[in-house]
Amino acid sequence: MNKIILKKIAATVAVVFSLLTIVEGSQVLFGITQPDYYVLKPLLVYNIIMGFVGIAVGVIIWINLTKALRFTLLVAAAHLTVLFIVLIIYISNSAVAAHSVNAMIIRSLIWFAVTITIWKTGKPEMLKSKNI
């Protein structure tokens, strides 16, 4: 498949998934929906903020900026870090819902896939520019 098409798919996945994250998180934050599990508010706020960041990164991928890999790596690393923290809290005292753990796993996997796609499709150009 064409590298440009793969990048556009990765950008679309990043933007659509980020939009869904913002919508779901905002509905809970503003009391529009009431989940039947405990909601850790700092995690909810983090997810909404990262939703906006994800949209920005998706746009960066779409317009094919050379620093797209750096931004996808940062988002993936942030999600993995938060996943690790959420897992520790969940295992230690269950103050985090299993739904939140699963959602962070999904976010981490999606951003890992986006990062790998950008790395694989942009590798020659990024190595030439040495801006990784």
C-alpha atoms as a PDB file:
ATOM      1  CA  MET A   1       0.000   0.000   0.000  1.00  0.00           C
ATOM      2  CA  ASN A   2       1.150   3.535  -0.750  1.00  0.00           C
ATOM      3  CA  LYS A   3       2.959   5.246   2.167  1.00  0.00           C
ATOM      4  CA  ILE A   4       0.870   8.386   1.799  1.00  0.00           C
ATOM      5  CA  ILE A   5      -2.350   6.374   2.050  1.00  0.00           C
ATOM      6  CA  LEU A   6      -1.068   4.616   5.189  1.00  0.00           C
ATOM      7  CA  LYS A   7      -0.209   7.969   6.766  1.00  0.00           C
ATOM      8  CA  LYS A   8      -3.670   9.321   5.908  1.00  0.00           C
ATOM      9  CA  ILE A   9      -5.261   6.240   7.488  1.00  0.00           C
ATOM     10  CA  ALA A  10      -3.116   6.694  10.624  1.00  0.00           C
ATOM     11  CA  ALA A  11      -4.067  10.386  10.766  1.00  0.00           C
ATOM     12  CA  THR A  12      -7.756   9.551  10.377  1.00  0.00           C
ATOM     13  CA  VAL A  13      -7.589   6.906  13.110  1.00  0.00           C
ATOM     14  CA  ALA A  14      -5.826   9.380  15.422  1.00  0.00           C
ATOM     15  CA  VAL A  15      -8.398  12.130  14.818  1.00  0.00           C
ATOM     16  CA  VAL A  16     -11.513   9.930  14.958  1.00  0.00           C
ATOM     17  CA  PHE A  17     -10.371   8.087  18.076  1.00  0.00           C
ATOM     18  CA  SER A  18      -9.426  11.382  19.735  1.00  0.00           C
ATOM     19  CA  LEU A  19     -12.824  12.885  18.885  1.00  0.00           C
ATOM     20  CA  LEU A  20     -14.555   9.869  20.416  1.00  0.00           C
ATOM     21  CA  THR A  21     -12.408  10.240  23.531  1.00  0.00           C
ATOM     22  CA  ILE A  22     -13.352  13.917  23.857  1.00  0.00           C
ATOM     23  CA  VAL A  23     -17.066  13.239  23.361  1.00  0.00           C
ATOM     24  CA  GLU A  24     -17.221  10.337  25.814  1.00  0.00           C
ATOM     25  CA  GLY A  25     -15.063  12.059  28.419  1.00  0.00           C
ATOM     26  CA  SER A  26     -16.925  15.361  28.173  1.00  0.00           C
ATOM     27  CA  GLN A  27     -20.280  13.641  28.590  1.00  0.00           C
ATOM     28  CA  VAL A  28     -19.083  12.090  31.844  1.00  0.00           C
ATOM     29  CA  LEU A  29     -17.277  15.242  33.024  1.00  0.00           C
ATOM     30  CA  PHE A  30     -20.334  17.447  32.501  1.00  0.00           C
ATOM     31  CA  GLY A  31     -22.763  14.921  33.975  1.00  0.00           C
ATOM     32  CA  ILE A  32     -24.591  14.147  30.719  1.00  0.00           C
ATOM     33  CA  THR A  33     -23.962  10.449  31.297  1.00  0.00           C
ATOM     34  CA  GLN A  34     -23.440   8.634  34.573  1.00  0.00           C
ATOM     35  CA  PRO A  35     -21.307   5.495  34.269  1.00  0.00           C
ATOM     36  CA  ASP A  36     -21.996   2.650  36.680  1.00  0.00           C
ATOM     37  CA  TYR A  37     -18.373   2.544  37.793  1.00  0.00           C
ATOM     38  CA  TYR A  38     -16.083   4.824  39.778  1.00  0.00           C
ATOM     39  CA  VAL A  39     -14.634   7.643  37.654  1.00  0.00           C
ATOM     40  CA  LEU A  40     -11.208   8.973  38.565  1.00  0.00           C
ATOM     41  CA  LYS A  41     -11.597  12.651  37.652  1.00  0.00           C
ATOM     42  CA  PRO A  42      -7.890  13.402  37.005  1.00  0.00           C
ATOM     43  CA  LEU A  43      -7.810  10.494  34.551  1.00  0.00           C
ATOM     44  CA  LEU A  44     -10.955  11.796  32.873  1.00  0.00           C
ATOM     45  CA  VAL A  45      -9.435  15.274  32.480  1.00  0.00           C
ATOM     46  CA  TYR A  46      -6.182  13.763  31.184  1.00  0.00           C
ATOM     47  CA  ASN A  47      -8.086  11.780  28.566  1.00  0.00           C
ATOM     48  CA  ILE A  48     -10.011  14.840  27.365  1.00  0.00           C
ATOM     49  CA  ILE A  49      -6.839  16.940  27.123  1.00  0.00           C
ATOM     50  CA  MET A  50      -5.051  14.135  25.292  1.00  0.00           C
ATOM     51  CA  GLY A  51      -8.028  13.898  22.957  1.00  0.00           C
ATOM     52  CA  PHE A  52      -7.343  17.459  21.830  1.00  0.00           C
ATOM     53  CA  VAL A  53      -3.626  16.679  21.597  1.00  0.00           C
ATOM     54  CA  GLY A  54      -4.488  13.603  19.523  1.00  0.00           C
ATOM     55  CA  ILE A  55      -6.473  15.703  17.063  1.00  0.00           C
ATOM     56  CA  ALA A  56      -3.507  18.067  16.687  1.00  0.00           C
ATOM     57  CA  VAL A  57      -1.135  15.149  16.132  1.00  0.00           C
ATOM     58  CA  GLY A  58      -3.538  13.643  13.607  1.00  0.00           C
ATOM     59  CA  VAL A  59      -3.469  16.919  11.676  1.00  0.00           C
ATOM     60  CA  ILE A  60       0.327  16.945  11.855  1.00  0.00           C
ATOM     61  CA  ILE A  61       0.396  13.422  10.437  1.00  0.00           C
ATOM     62  CA  TRP A  62      -2.117  14.376   7.722  1.00  0.00           C
ATOM     63  CA  ILE A  63      -0.069  17.330   6.497  1.00  0.00           C
ATOM     64  CA  ASN A  64       3.011  15.106   6.669  1.00  0.00           C
ATOM     65  CA  LEU A  65       5.288  17.162   8.893  1.00  0.00           C
ATOM     66  CA  THR A  66       8.666  15.593   9.514  1.00  0.00           C
ATOM     67  CA  LYS A  67       8.193  15.746  13.287  1.00  0.00           C
ATOM     68  CA  ALA A  68       5.040  13.600  13.209  1.00  0.00           C
ATOM     69  CA  LEU A  69       6.950  10.604  14.562  1.00  0.00           C
ATOM     70  CA  ARG A  70       8.195  12.606  17.537  1.00  0.00           C
ATOM     71  CA  PHE A  71       4.652  13.680  18.404  1.00  0.00           C
ATOM     72  CA  THR A  72       3.187  10.196  18.035  1.00  0.00           C
ATOM     73  CA  LEU A  73       5.954   8.846  20.244  1.00  0.00           C
ATOM     74  CA  LEU A  74       5.155  11.449  22.905  1.00  0.00           C
ATOM     75  CA  VAL A  75       1.440  10.608  22.874  1.00  0.00           C
ATOM     76  CA  ALA A  76       2.105   6.861  22.983  1.00  0.00           C
ATOM     77  CA  ALA A  77       4.624   7.304  25.812  1.00  0.00           C
ATOM     78  CA  ALA A  78       2.206   9.486  27.785  1.00  0.00           C
ATOM     79  CA  HIS A  79      -0.550   6.878  27.430  1.00  0.00           C
ATOM     80  CA  LEU A  80       1.782   4.048  28.433  1.00  0.00           C
ATOM     81  CA  THR A  81       2.933   6.010  31.471  1.00  0.00           C
ATOM     82  CA  VAL A  82      -0.637   6.733  32.557  1.00  0.00           C
ATOM     83  CA  LEU A  83      -1.597   3.100  31.890  1.00  0.00           C
ATOM     84  CA  PHE A  84       1.224   1.996  34.182  1.00  0.00           C
ATOM     85  CA  ILE A  85       0.044   4.391  36.922  1.00  0.00           C
ATOM     86  CA  VAL A  86      -3.595   3.321  36.511  1.00  0.00           C
ATOM     87  CA  LEU A  87      -2.596  -0.341  36.707  1.00  0.00           C
ATOM     88  CA  ILE A  88      -0.659   0.266  39.919  1.00  0.00           C
ATOM     89  CA  ILE A  89      -3.659   2.052  41.460  1.00  0.00           C
ATOM     90  CA  TYR A  90      -6.038  -0.662  40.248  1.00  0.00           C
ATOM     91  CA  ILE A  91      -3.897  -3.492  41.630  1.00  0.00           C
ATOM     92  CA  SER A  92      -3.137  -1.753  44.930  1.00  0.00           C
ATOM     93  CA  ASN A  93      -6.597  -0.582  45.983  1.00  0.00           C
ATOM     94  CA  SER A  94      -9.055  -0.782  43.093  1.00  0.00           C
ATOM     95  CA  ALA A  95      -9.697   2.984  43.201  1.00  0.00           C
ATOM     96  CA  VAL A  96      -9.757   2.814  39.403  1.00  0.00           C
ATOM     97  CA  ALA A  97     -12.455   0.976  37.484  1.00  0.00           C
ATOM     98  CA  ALA A  98     -11.562  -1.951  35.235  1.00  0.00           C
ATOM     99  CA  HIS A  99     -13.243   0.049  32.448  1.00  0.00           C
ATOM    100  CA  SER A 100     -10.599   2.765  32.870  1.00  0.00           C
ATOM    101  CA  VAL A 101      -7.778   0.231  32.745  1.00  0.00           C
ATOM    102  CA  ASN A 102      -9.225  -1.312  29.578  1.00  0.00           C
ATOM    103  CA  ALA A 103      -9.707   2.119  27.988  1.00  0.00           C
ATOM    104  CA  MET A 104      -6.070   3.041  28.678  1.00  0.00           C
ATOM    105  CA  ILE A 105      -4.925  -0.270  27.188  1.00  0.00           C
ATOM    106  CA  ILE A 106      -6.921   0.485  24.032  1.00  0.00           C
ATOM    107  CA  ARG A 107      -5.574   4.066  23.844  1.00  0.00           C
ATOM    108  CA  SER A 108      -2.017   2.814  24.269  1.00  0.00           C
ATOM    109  CA  LEU A 109      -2.437   0.141  21.601  1.00  0.00           C
ATOM    110  CA  ILE A 110      -4.009   2.538  19.102  1.00  0.00           C
ATOM    111  CA  TRP A 111      -1.257   5.118  19.560  1.00  0.00           C
ATOM    112  CA  PHE A 112       1.388   2.407  19.424  1.00  0.00           C
ATOM    113  CA  ALA A 113      -0.070   1.297  16.069  1.00  0.00           C
ATOM    114  CA  VAL A 114      -0.178   4.904  14.805  1.00  0.00           C
ATOM    115  CA  THR A 115       3.437   5.403  15.908  1.00  0.00           C
ATOM    116  CA  ILE A 116       4.630   2.217  14.205  1.00  0.00           C
ATOM    117  CA  THR A 117       2.773   3.190  11.016  1.00  0.00           C
ATOM    118  CA  ILE A 118       4.381   6.637  10.950  1.00  0.00           C
ATOM    119  CA  TRP A 119       7.787   5.167  11.721  1.00  0.00           C
ATOM    120  CA  LYS A 120       7.513   2.539   8.977  1.00  0.00           C
ATOM    121  CA  THR A 121       6.114   4.931   6.360  1.00  0.00           C
ATOM    122  CA  GLY A 122       8.404   7.858   7.094  1.00  0.00           C
ATOM    123  CA  LYS A 123      11.603   6.124   8.038  1.00  0.00           C
ATOM    124  CA  PRO A 124      13.797   7.073   5.028  1.00  0.00           C
ATOM    125  CA  GLU A 125      12.807  10.766   5.083  1.00  0.00           C
ATOM    126  CA  MET A 126      13.155  11.027   8.854  1.00  0.00           C
ATOM    127  CA  LEU A 127      16.574   9.416   8.885  1.00  0.00           C
ATOM    128  CA  LYS A 128      17.779  11.892   6.268  1.00  0.00           C
ATOM    129  CA  SER A 129      16.542  14.898   8.229  1.00  0.00           C
ATOM    130  CA  LYS A 130      17.910  13.609  11.551  1.00  0.00           C
ATOM    131  CA  ASN A 131      14.982  15.263  13.368  1.00  0.00           C
ATOM    132  CA  ILE A 132      13.723  12.184  15.157  1.00  0.00           C
END
